[in-house]
Amino acid sequence: MKKILIKLIQGLLWILDKDHRCYEDIGMDDIKKFTDIQNVSFKSDFGHASQIFRTIPYLVWELKTTTHTLYAADKHSVIDENMETKWLEDLSTGDKLMTDTGLEEVISCRSLGIRTHMYCVQVDSENDNDNDPYNHLLYTDGILSHNTTVAAAYLLWRAIFRADQTILVVANKYTQALEIMDRIRYTYEHLPNFLRAGVSEYNKGTLTFDNGSSITSRATAPDAGRGLSISLLYCLAGETTVTVRDKITGSIKEISLEDLHNELSNDTI
C-alpha cells in the first residue's frame, strides 16, 4: 500500500510541477540546483538569515532521533556530538546529534523514494565572529544543521577579485569537498556577465580563472596540498593537522586547523 501511495504522489507531482519531470542528484554539474532565490531579513536561532534558496526536486530522506524527525535531502548537513558536520546519507543508527533538547541518538535514517523541492537558508552569526562555533548553524525541526552557502560565495569572490590565488577546498570525504565546489559553480554561473571571470579549466574538482587564480578540491590527507602554493585553505574538519612555518622566526610546528585559526585570529603566531 505504501509503495502504491508513493507512486501516486510521484505521478501527481510529475503532472503539477515541470521540475519533477527531470531527475537530478546533488553533486551533478547542473545550473538548476536552485530554482528561486529570495532576499530575506529575520532572526535565526544563532544569528541572522539573509537569503532563502528553493532547490530543484531532490530525494527526501527521513531522519528520526529520540524525539525529533527531520525530512531533508541526502546531503543535508547536521552536527554530531563532536560539533562535526555529517550528511544524512552517512548517518548510522546510534550516532549522536546535537538538538535543541541536547544530544540525541539516531533511531533511523532512510530515503523515502520521493522527490520534492528543498529550501536552504543562508545564516550568519550576528556578531560576524568566525570563531563562534555556532556561526552558520540553525535548527531544522529541532536538529542542529549547518549551512555553507556563505563560504562558497566568499571563495569565489576571492578567486575572481584577487589575481594568482590558489584556493584549496578539503574535507574528510571527497564528496563533501565536491559539494562545496558544486555551490561555487552554481554561484559563478549565476553571476552577471560583467562580473564573471573567464575560465580555462572548469570541472567537478577544479576551477581555473584567466586571472591566474584557481579553486581545487581534495580529500584531507597528509599530502592534500602537495605541489600547491596555497593562498587560502578551506577545510570542513577543524581537527585536521597541518605543518606551518613562521616566516619571521623560521620555526616549524604541527597544529590543528582549528588551533591555527584561533592563533591567527589572536595574532599569536
C-alpha atoms as a PDB file:
ATOM      1  CA  MET A   1       0.000   0.000   0.000  1.00  0.00           C
ATOM      2  CA  LYS A   2       2.803   2.381   0.884  1.00  0.00           C
ATOM      3  CA  LYS A   3       4.547   1.769  -2.466  1.00  0.00           C
ATOM      4  CA  ILE A   4       1.294   2.461  -4.325  1.00  0.00           C
ATOM      5  CA  LEU A   5       0.856   5.740  -2.398  1.00  0.00           C
ATOM      6  CA  ILE A   6       4.424   6.814  -3.227  1.00  0.00           C
ATOM      7  CA  LYS A   7       3.847   6.098  -6.934  1.00  0.00           C
ATOM      8  CA  LEU A   8       0.601   8.099  -6.826  1.00  0.00           C
ATOM      9  CA  ILE A   9       2.330  11.098  -5.229  1.00  0.00           C
ATOM     10  CA  GLN A  10       5.158  10.899  -7.756  1.00  0.00           C
ATOM     11  CA  GLY A  11       2.644  10.877 -10.609  1.00  0.00           C
ATOM     12  CA  LEU A  12       0.761  13.893  -9.253  1.00  0.00           C
ATOM     13  CA  LEU A  13       3.974  15.867  -8.784  1.00  0.00           C
ATOM     14  CA  TRP A  14       5.082  14.981 -12.324  1.00  0.00           C
ATOM     15  CA  ILE A  15       1.799  16.396 -13.669  1.00  0.00           C
ATOM     16  CA  LEU A  16       1.644  19.520 -11.492  1.00  0.00           C
ATOM     17  CA  ASP A  17       5.313  20.617 -11.443  1.00  0.00           C
ATOM     18  CA  LYS A  18       7.575  20.547 -14.520  1.00  0.00           C
ATOM     19  CA  ASP A  19      10.654  20.492 -12.250  1.00  0.00           C
ATOM     20  CA  HIS A  20       9.650  16.961 -11.224  1.00  0.00           C
ATOM     21  CA  ARG A  21       9.919  15.733 -14.809  1.00  0.00           C
ATOM     22  CA  CYS A  22      13.714  15.599 -14.676  1.00  0.00           C
ATOM     23  CA  TYR A  23      15.714  13.603 -12.122  1.00  0.00           C
ATOM     24  CA  GLU A  24      18.879  15.156 -10.750  1.00  0.00           C
ATOM     25  CA  ASP A  25      21.024  14.436  -7.714  1.00  0.00           C
ATOM     26  CA  ILE A  26      23.035  16.777  -5.527  1.00  0.00           C
ATOM     27  CA  GLY A  27      26.589  16.974  -6.782  1.00  0.00           C
ATOM     28  CA  MET A  28      25.803  16.846 -10.507  1.00  0.00           C
ATOM     29  CA  ASP A  29      27.077  19.631 -12.755  1.00  0.00           C
ATOM     30  CA  ASP A  30      23.784  21.428 -13.265  1.00  0.00           C
ATOM     31  CA  ILE A  31      22.752  25.072 -13.167  1.00  0.00           C
ATOM     32  CA  LYS A  32      19.300  24.311 -11.814  1.00  0.00           C
ATOM     33  CA  LYS A  33      20.319  23.439  -8.314  1.00  0.00           C
ATOM     34  CA  PHE A  34      18.232  26.393  -7.136  1.00  0.00           C
ATOM     35  CA  THR A  35      15.062  27.491  -8.910  1.00  0.00           C
ATOM     36  CA  ASP A  36      14.489  30.647  -6.869  1.00  0.00           C
ATOM     37  CA  ILE A  37      16.403  32.924  -4.500  1.00  0.00           C
ATOM     38  CA  GLN A  38      14.732  35.393  -2.153  1.00  0.00           C
ATOM     39  CA  ASN A  39      16.395  38.075  -0.042  1.00  0.00           C
ATOM     40  CA  VAL A  40      15.044  37.998   3.498  1.00  0.00           C
ATOM     41  CA  SER A  41      15.849  39.526   6.859  1.00  0.00           C
ATOM     42  CA  PHE A  42      14.893  37.773  10.067  1.00  0.00           C
ATOM     43  CA  LYS A  43      16.497  36.380  13.206  1.00  0.00           C
ATOM     44  CA  SER A  44      17.550  32.752  13.192  1.00  0.00           C
ATOM     45  CA  ASP A  45      18.437  30.580  16.174  1.00  0.00           C
ATOM     46  CA  PHE A  46      22.038  31.825  16.410  1.00  0.00           C
ATOM     47  CA  GLY A  47      22.155  34.764  14.034  1.00  0.00           C
ATOM     48  CA  HIS A  48      20.513  36.429  11.076  1.00  0.00           C
ATOM     49  CA  ALA A  49      19.054  34.911   7.904  1.00  0.00           C
ATOM     50  CA  SER A  50      19.670  36.898   4.699  1.00  0.00           C
ATOM     51  CA  GLN A  51      18.604  34.614   1.828  1.00  0.00           C
ATOM     52  CA  ILE A  52      16.390  31.601   1.153  1.00  0.00           C
ATOM     53  CA  PHE A  53      17.103  29.234  -1.760  1.00  0.00           C
ATOM     54  CA  ARG A  54      14.484  26.943  -3.351  1.00  0.00           C
ATOM     55  CA  THR A  55      16.109  23.879  -4.888  1.00  0.00           C
ATOM     56  CA  ILE A  56      15.084  21.612  -7.717  1.00  0.00           C
ATOM     57  CA  PRO A  57      13.385  18.399  -6.504  1.00  0.00           C
ATOM     58  CA  TYR A  58      15.747  16.079  -4.644  1.00  0.00           C
ATOM     59  CA  LEU A  59      15.201  12.750  -2.916  1.00  0.00           C
ATOM     60  CA  VAL A  60      13.619  13.144   0.514  1.00  0.00           C
ATOM     61  CA  TRP A  61      15.314  11.408   3.435  1.00  0.00           C
ATOM     62  CA  GLU A  62      13.728  10.844   6.831  1.00  0.00           C
ATOM     63  CA  LEU A  63      15.892  11.231   9.936  1.00  0.00           C
ATOM     64  CA  LYS A  64      14.487  10.141  13.281  1.00  0.00           C
ATOM     65  CA  THR A  65      16.184  10.757  16.621  1.00  0.00           C
ATOM     66  CA  THR A  66      14.855  10.043  20.100  1.00  0.00           C
ATOM     67  CA  THR A  67      12.308  12.896  19.996  1.00  0.00           C
ATOM     68  CA  HIS A  68      12.821  14.634  16.626  1.00  0.00           C
ATOM     69  CA  THR A  69      12.005  13.896  12.976  1.00  0.00           C
ATOM     70  CA  LEU A  70      13.599  15.735  10.040  1.00  0.00           C
ATOM     71  CA  TYR A  71      12.804  15.462   6.336  1.00  0.00           C
ATOM     72  CA  ALA A  72      15.650  16.735   4.154  1.00  0.00           C
ATOM     73  CA  ALA A  73      17.984  15.937   1.257  1.00  0.00           C
ATOM     74  CA  ASP A  74      20.590  13.173   1.408  1.00  0.00           C
ATOM     75  CA  LYS A  75      23.369  15.746   1.704  1.00  0.00           C
ATOM     76  CA  HIS A  76      21.730  17.909   4.328  1.00  0.00           C
ATOM     77  CA  SER A  77      24.449  18.624   6.933  1.00  0.00           C
ATOM     78  CA  VAL A  78      23.729  18.001  10.607  1.00  0.00           C
ATOM     79  CA  ILE A  79      26.003  18.427  13.636  1.00  0.00           C
ATOM     80  CA  ASP A  80      27.195  15.460  15.694  1.00  0.00           C
ATOM     81  CA  GLU A  81      28.335  15.256  19.322  1.00  0.00           C
ATOM     82  CA  ASN A  82      31.833  16.497  18.364  1.00  0.00           C
ATOM     83  CA  MET A  83      30.407  19.571  16.572  1.00  0.00           C
ATOM     84  CA  GLU A  84      31.379  17.990  13.237  1.00  0.00           C
ATOM     85  CA  THR A  85      29.186  18.080  10.149  1.00  0.00           C
ATOM     86  CA  LYS A  86      27.642  14.874   8.773  1.00  0.00           C
ATOM     87  CA  TRP A  87      25.408  14.266   5.804  1.00  0.00           C
ATOM     88  CA  LEU A  88      22.145  12.450   6.381  1.00  0.00           C
ATOM     89  CA  GLU A  89      23.175   9.676   3.994  1.00  0.00           C
ATOM     90  CA  ASP A  90      26.276   8.979   6.129  1.00  0.00           C
ATOM     91  CA  LEU A  91      24.421   8.606   9.445  1.00  0.00           C
ATOM     92  CA  SER A  92      24.115   5.280  11.230  1.00  0.00           C
ATOM     93  CA  THR A  93      21.791   4.070  13.970  1.00  0.00           C
ATOM     94  CA  GLY A  94      23.232   5.085  17.329  1.00  0.00           C
ATOM     95  CA  ASP A  95      25.060   8.199  16.086  1.00  0.00           C
ATOM     96  CA  LYS A  96      24.585  11.137  18.438  1.00  0.00           C
ATOM     97  CA  LEU A  97      23.414  14.501  17.086  1.00  0.00           C
ATOM     98  CA  MET A  98      23.021  17.970  18.581  1.00  0.00           C
ATOM     99  CA  THR A  99      19.386  19.036  19.030  1.00  0.00           C
ATOM    100  CA  ASP A 100      17.513  21.844  20.775  1.00  0.00           C
ATOM    101  CA  THR A 101      16.965  19.464  23.712  1.00  0.00           C
ATOM    102  CA  GLY A 102      20.549  18.170  23.904  1.00  0.00           C
ATOM    103  CA  LEU A 103      22.296  15.135  22.410  1.00  0.00           C
ATOM    104  CA  GLU A 104      20.010  12.544  20.854  1.00  0.00           C
ATOM    105  CA  GLU A 105      20.695   9.189  19.208  1.00  0.00           C
ATOM    106  CA  VAL A 106      19.783   8.433  15.614  1.00  0.00           C
ATOM    107  CA  ILE A 107      16.944   5.905  15.576  1.00  0.00           C
ATOM    108  CA  SER A 108      16.714   5.616  11.789  1.00  0.00           C
ATOM    109  CA  CYS A 109      17.733   7.451   8.609  1.00  0.00           C
ATOM    110  CA  ARG A 110      16.402   6.368   5.214  1.00  0.00           C
ATOM    111  CA  SER A 111      15.367   7.531   1.756  1.00  0.00           C
ATOM    112  CA  LEU A 112      11.603   7.780   1.245  1.00  0.00           C
ATOM    113  CA  GLY A 113      11.826   7.399  -2.526  1.00  0.00           C
ATOM    114  CA  ILE A 114      10.017  10.715  -3.146  1.00  0.00           C
ATOM    115  CA  ARG A 115      11.487  13.860  -4.692  1.00  0.00           C
ATOM    116  CA  THR A 116      10.415  17.374  -3.744  1.00  0.00           C
ATOM    117  CA  HIS A 117      11.731  20.931  -3.610  1.00  0.00           C
ATOM    118  CA  MET A 118      14.043  21.718  -0.688  1.00  0.00           C
ATOM    119  CA  TYR A 119      14.748  25.071   0.946  1.00  0.00           C
ATOM    120  CA  CYS A 120      18.169  26.297   2.083  1.00  0.00           C
ATOM    121  CA  VAL A 121      18.697  29.271   4.389  1.00  0.00           C
ATOM    122  CA  GLN A 122      21.801  31.457   4.385  1.00  0.00           C
ATOM    123  CA  VAL A 123      22.630  32.250   8.011  1.00  0.00           C
ATOM    124  CA  ASP A 124      25.390  34.389   9.562  1.00  0.00           C
ATOM    125  CA  SER A 125      26.138  34.995  13.220  1.00  0.00           C
ATOM    126  CA  GLU A 126      25.022  38.447  14.318  1.00  0.00           C
ATOM    127  CA  ASN A 127      28.470  39.351  15.654  1.00  0.00           C
ATOM    128  CA  ASP A 128      30.145  38.087  12.423  1.00  0.00           C
ATOM    129  CA  ASN A 129      32.608  36.106  14.549  1.00  0.00           C
ATOM    130  CA  ASP A 130      34.194  33.199  12.657  1.00  0.00           C
ATOM    131  CA  ASN A 131      35.407  31.771  15.987  1.00  0.00           C
ATOM    132  CA  ASP A 132      31.818  31.291  17.099  1.00  0.00           C
ATOM    133  CA  PRO A 133      31.175  27.505  16.813  1.00  0.00           C
ATOM    134  CA  TYR A 134      27.507  28.241  16.073  1.00  0.00           C
ATOM    135  CA  ASN A 135      28.242  30.524  13.118  1.00  0.00           C
ATOM    136  CA  HIS A 136      26.222  29.396  10.048  1.00  0.00           C
ATOM    137  CA  LEU A 137      24.207  26.961  12.189  1.00  0.00           C
ATOM    138  CA  LEU A 138      20.449  26.708  12.634  1.00  0.00           C
ATOM    139  CA  TYR A 139      17.890  24.269  13.977  1.00  0.00           C
ATOM    140  CA  THR A 140      15.887  22.373  11.356  1.00  0.00           C
ATOM    141  CA  ASP A 141      12.922  20.711  13.048  1.00  0.00           C
ATOM    142  CA  GLY A 142      14.937  20.835  16.265  1.00  0.00           C
ATOM    143  CA  ILE A 143      18.101  19.217  14.856  1.00  0.00           C
ATOM    144  CA  LEU A 144      21.224  21.390  14.617  1.00  0.00           C
ATOM    145  CA  SER A 145      22.239  21.849  10.966  1.00  0.00           C
ATOM    146  CA  HIS A 146      24.983  23.612   9.020  1.00  0.00           C
ATOM    147  CA  ASN A 147      24.825  25.994   6.096  1.00  0.00           C
ATOM    148  CA  THR A 148      27.796  26.560   3.723  1.00  0.00           C
ATOM    149  CA  THR A 149      26.456  28.925   1.074  1.00  0.00           C
ATOM    150  CA  VAL A 150      28.338  31.895   2.519  1.00  0.00           C
ATOM    151  CA  ALA A 151      31.658  30.045   2.430  1.00  0.00           C
ATOM    152  CA  ALA A 152      31.186  29.098  -1.223  1.00  0.00           C
ATOM    153  CA  ALA A 153      30.399  32.701  -2.153  1.00  0.00           C
ATOM    154  CA  TYR A 154      33.488  34.005  -0.336  1.00  0.00           C
ATOM    155  CA  LEU A 155      35.826  31.513  -2.014  1.00  0.00           C
ATOM    156  CA  LEU A 156      34.510  32.514  -5.439  1.00  0.00           C
ATOM    157  CA  TRP A 157      34.847  36.224  -4.647  1.00  0.00           C
ATOM    158  CA  ARG A 158      38.437  35.681  -3.527  1.00  0.00           C
ATOM    159  CA  ALA A 159      39.331  33.825  -6.725  1.00  0.00           C
ATOM    160  CA  ILE A 160      37.706  36.330  -9.091  1.00  0.00           C
ATOM    161  CA  PHE A 161      38.754  39.612  -7.488  1.00  0.00           C
ATOM    162  CA  ARG A 162      42.284  38.659  -6.407  1.00  0.00           C
ATOM    163  CA  ALA A 163      44.747  37.518  -9.031  1.00  0.00           C
ATOM    164  CA  ASP A 164      47.030  34.483  -8.679  1.00  0.00           C
ATOM    165  CA  GLN A 165      45.173  32.961  -5.727  1.00  0.00           C
ATOM    166  CA  THR A 166      45.453  29.212  -5.097  1.00  0.00           C
ATOM    167  CA  ILE A 167      42.457  28.123  -3.025  1.00  0.00           C
ATOM    168  CA  LEU A 168      42.258  24.569  -1.708  1.00  0.00           C
ATOM    169  CA  VAL A 169      38.966  23.060  -0.500  1.00  0.00           C
ATOM    170  CA  VAL A 170      39.422  19.893   1.576  1.00  0.00           C
ATOM    171  CA  ALA A 171      37.081  17.671   3.564  1.00  0.00           C
ATOM    172  CA  ASN A 172      37.238  14.339   5.355  1.00  0.00           C
ATOM    173  CA  LYS A 173      35.283  12.824   2.464  1.00  0.00           C
ATOM    174  CA  TYR A 174      35.988  13.995  -1.066  1.00  0.00           C
ATOM    175  CA  THR A 175      32.255  14.068  -1.797  1.00  0.00           C
ATOM    176  CA  GLN A 176      31.868  16.809   0.829  1.00  0.00           C
ATOM    177  CA  ALA A 177      34.532  18.910  -0.887  1.00  0.00           C
ATOM    178  CA  LEU A 178      32.747  18.360  -4.205  1.00  0.00           C
ATOM    179  CA  GLU A 179      29.530  19.663  -2.660  1.00  0.00           C
ATOM    180  CA  ILE A 180      31.269  22.973  -1.899  1.00  0.00           C
ATOM    181  CA  MET A 181      32.610  23.047  -5.474  1.00  0.00           C
ATOM    182  CA  ASP A 182      29.077  22.433  -6.754  1.00  0.00           C
ATOM    183  CA  ARG A 183      27.845  25.507  -4.858  1.00  0.00           C
ATOM    184  CA  ILE A 184      30.776  27.572  -6.141  1.00  0.00           C
ATOM    185  CA  ARG A 185      29.968  26.612  -9.735  1.00  0.00           C
ATOM    186  CA  TYR A 186      26.306  27.434  -9.222  1.00  0.00           C
ATOM    187  CA  THR A 187      27.191  30.878  -7.847  1.00  0.00           C
ATOM    188  CA  TYR A 188      29.601  31.502 -10.736  1.00  0.00           C
ATOM    189  CA  GLU A 189      27.035  30.513 -13.358  1.00  0.00           C
ATOM    190  CA  HIS A 190      24.504  32.982 -11.949  1.00  0.00           C
ATOM    191  CA  LEU A 191      26.836  35.983 -11.749  1.00  0.00           C
ATOM    192  CA  PRO A 192      26.151  38.925 -14.113  1.00  0.00           C
ATOM    193  CA  ASN A 193      28.283  38.702 -17.263  1.00  0.00           C
ATOM    194  CA  PHE A 194      30.339  41.777 -16.334  1.00  0.00           C
ATOM    195  CA  LEU A 195      31.434  40.098 -13.068  1.00  0.00           C
ATOM    196  CA  ARG A 196      32.032  36.592 -14.367  1.00  0.00           C
ATOM    197  CA  ALA A 197      35.752  35.980 -14.941  1.00  0.00           C
ATOM    198  CA  GLY A 198      36.924  33.823 -17.831  1.00  0.00           C
ATOM    199  CA  VAL A 199      37.829  30.213 -17.071  1.00  0.00           C
ATOM    200  CA  SER A 200      40.452  27.926 -18.626  1.00  0.00           C
ATOM    201  CA  GLU A 201      39.508  24.812 -16.603  1.00  0.00           C
ATOM    202  CA  TYR A 202      36.010  24.014 -15.377  1.00  0.00           C
ATOM    203  CA  ASN A 203      35.101  20.624 -13.924  1.00  0.00           C
ATOM    204  CA  LYS A 204      33.805  18.970 -10.756  1.00  0.00           C
ATOM    205  CA  GLY A 205      37.038  19.281  -8.811  1.00  0.00           C
ATOM    206  CA  THR A 206      38.838  22.329 -10.229  1.00  0.00           C
ATOM    207  CA  LEU A 207      38.091  25.861 -11.428  1.00  0.00           C
ATOM    208  CA  THR A 208      40.903  27.872 -13.010  1.00  0.00           C
ATOM    209  CA  PHE A 209      40.321  31.509 -13.945  1.00  0.00           C
ATOM    210  CA  ASP A 210      42.020  33.725 -16.528  1.00  0.00           C
ATOM    211  CA  ASN A 211      43.454  35.967 -13.776  1.00  0.00           C
ATOM    212  CA  GLY A 212      45.700  33.140 -12.596  1.00  0.00           C
ATOM    213  CA  SER A 213      43.520  32.136  -9.627  1.00  0.00           C
ATOM    214  CA  SER A 214      42.207  28.628  -9.097  1.00  0.00           C
ATOM    215  CA  ILE A 215      39.972  26.658  -6.710  1.00  0.00           C
ATOM    216  CA  THR A 216      40.865  22.988  -6.214  1.00  0.00           C
ATOM    217  CA  SER A 217      39.147  20.317  -4.108  1.00  0.00           C
ATOM    218  CA  ARG A 218      40.774  17.299  -2.453  1.00  0.00           C
ATOM    219  CA  ALA A 219      40.156  14.898   0.398  1.00  0.00           C
ATOM    220  CA  THR A 220      42.010  15.566   3.645  1.00  0.00           C
ATOM    221  CA  ALA A 221      45.317  13.680   3.602  1.00  0.00           C
ATOM    222  CA  PRO A 222      48.913  14.364   4.683  1.00  0.00           C
ATOM    223  CA  ASP A 223      49.779  15.310   1.091  1.00  0.00           C
ATOM    224  CA  ALA A 224      46.499  17.059   0.185  1.00  0.00           C
ATOM    225  CA  GLY A 225      48.254  20.353  -0.560  1.00  0.00           C
ATOM    226  CA  ARG A 226      51.435  18.899  -2.052  1.00  0.00           C
ATOM    227  CA  GLY A 227      52.579  20.774  -5.140  1.00  0.00           C
ATOM    228  CA  LEU A 228      50.361  23.783  -4.413  1.00  0.00           C
ATOM    229  CA  SER A 229      51.359  27.214  -3.205  1.00  0.00           C
ATOM    230  CA  ILE A 230      48.198  27.710  -1.174  1.00  0.00           C
ATOM    231  CA  SER A 231      46.814  31.212  -0.675  1.00  0.00           C
ATOM    232  CA  LEU A 232      43.666  30.122   1.146  1.00  0.00           C
ATOM    233  CA  LEU A 233      42.734  26.784   2.721  1.00  0.00           C
ATOM    234  CA  TYR A 234      39.087  25.911   3.378  1.00  0.00           C
ATOM    235  CA  CYS A 235      38.604  22.766   5.436  1.00  0.00           C
ATOM    236  CA  LEU A 236      35.421  21.212   6.816  1.00  0.00           C
ATOM    237  CA  ALA A 237      37.270  19.415   9.625  1.00  0.00           C
ATOM    238  CA  GLY A 238      38.909  21.597  12.274  1.00  0.00           C
ATOM    239  CA  GLU A 239      40.845  18.703  13.832  1.00  0.00           C
ATOM    240  CA  THR A 240      42.912  18.200  10.663  1.00  0.00           C
ATOM    241  CA  THR A 241      46.625  18.672  11.479  1.00  0.00           C
ATOM    242  CA  VAL A 242      48.910  20.725   9.239  1.00  0.00           C
ATOM    243  CA  THR A 243      52.576  21.748   9.370  1.00  0.00           C
ATOM    244  CA  VAL A 244      53.240  25.502   9.355  1.00  0.00           C
ATOM    245  CA  ARG A 245      56.383  27.635   9.318  1.00  0.00           C
ATOM    246  CA  ASP A 246      56.668  31.102  10.831  1.00  0.00           C
ATOM    247  CA  LYS A 247      58.088  33.350   8.080  1.00  0.00           C
ATOM    248  CA  ILE A 248      59.734  35.639  10.661  1.00  0.00           C
ATOM    249  CA  THR A 249      61.314  33.173  13.102  1.00  0.00           C
ATOM    250  CA  GLY A 250      61.581  30.175  10.785  1.00  0.00           C
ATOM    251  CA  SER A 251      60.132  27.877  13.473  1.00  0.00           C
ATOM    252  CA  ILE A 252      58.107  24.896  12.246  1.00  0.00           C
ATOM    253  CA  LYS A 253      55.315  23.140  14.134  1.00  0.00           C
ATOM    254  CA  GLU A 254      52.321  20.862  13.648  1.00  0.00           C
ATOM    255  CA  ILE A 255      48.953  22.315  14.618  1.00  0.00           C
ATOM    256  CA  SER A 256      45.270  21.575  14.052  1.00  0.00           C
ATOM    257  CA  LEU A 257      43.414  23.881  11.683  1.00  0.00           C
ATOM    258  CA  GLU A 258      41.083  24.938  14.499  1.00  0.00           C
ATOM    259  CA  ASP A 259      44.010  25.925  16.760  1.00  0.00           C
ATOM    260  CA  LEU A 260      45.778  27.612  13.849  1.00  0.00           C
ATOM    261  CA  HIS A 261      42.692  29.685  13.093  1.00  0.00           C
ATOM    262  CA  ASN A 262      42.400  30.727  16.749  1.00  0.00           C
ATOM    263  CA  GLU A 263      46.067  31.712  16.933  1.00  0.00           C
ATOM    264  CA  LEU A 264      45.875  33.740  13.733  1.00  0.00           C
ATOM    265  CA  SER A 265      42.739  35.471  14.982  1.00  0.00           C
ATOM    266  CA  ASN A 266      44.511  36.364  18.232  1.00  0.00           C
ATOM    267  CA  ASP A 267      47.748  37.392  16.436  1.00  0.00           C
ATOM    268  CA  THR A 268      49.800  34.882  18.435  1.00  0.00           C
ATOM    269  CA  ILE A 269      51.525  33.185  15.522  1.00  0.00           C
END
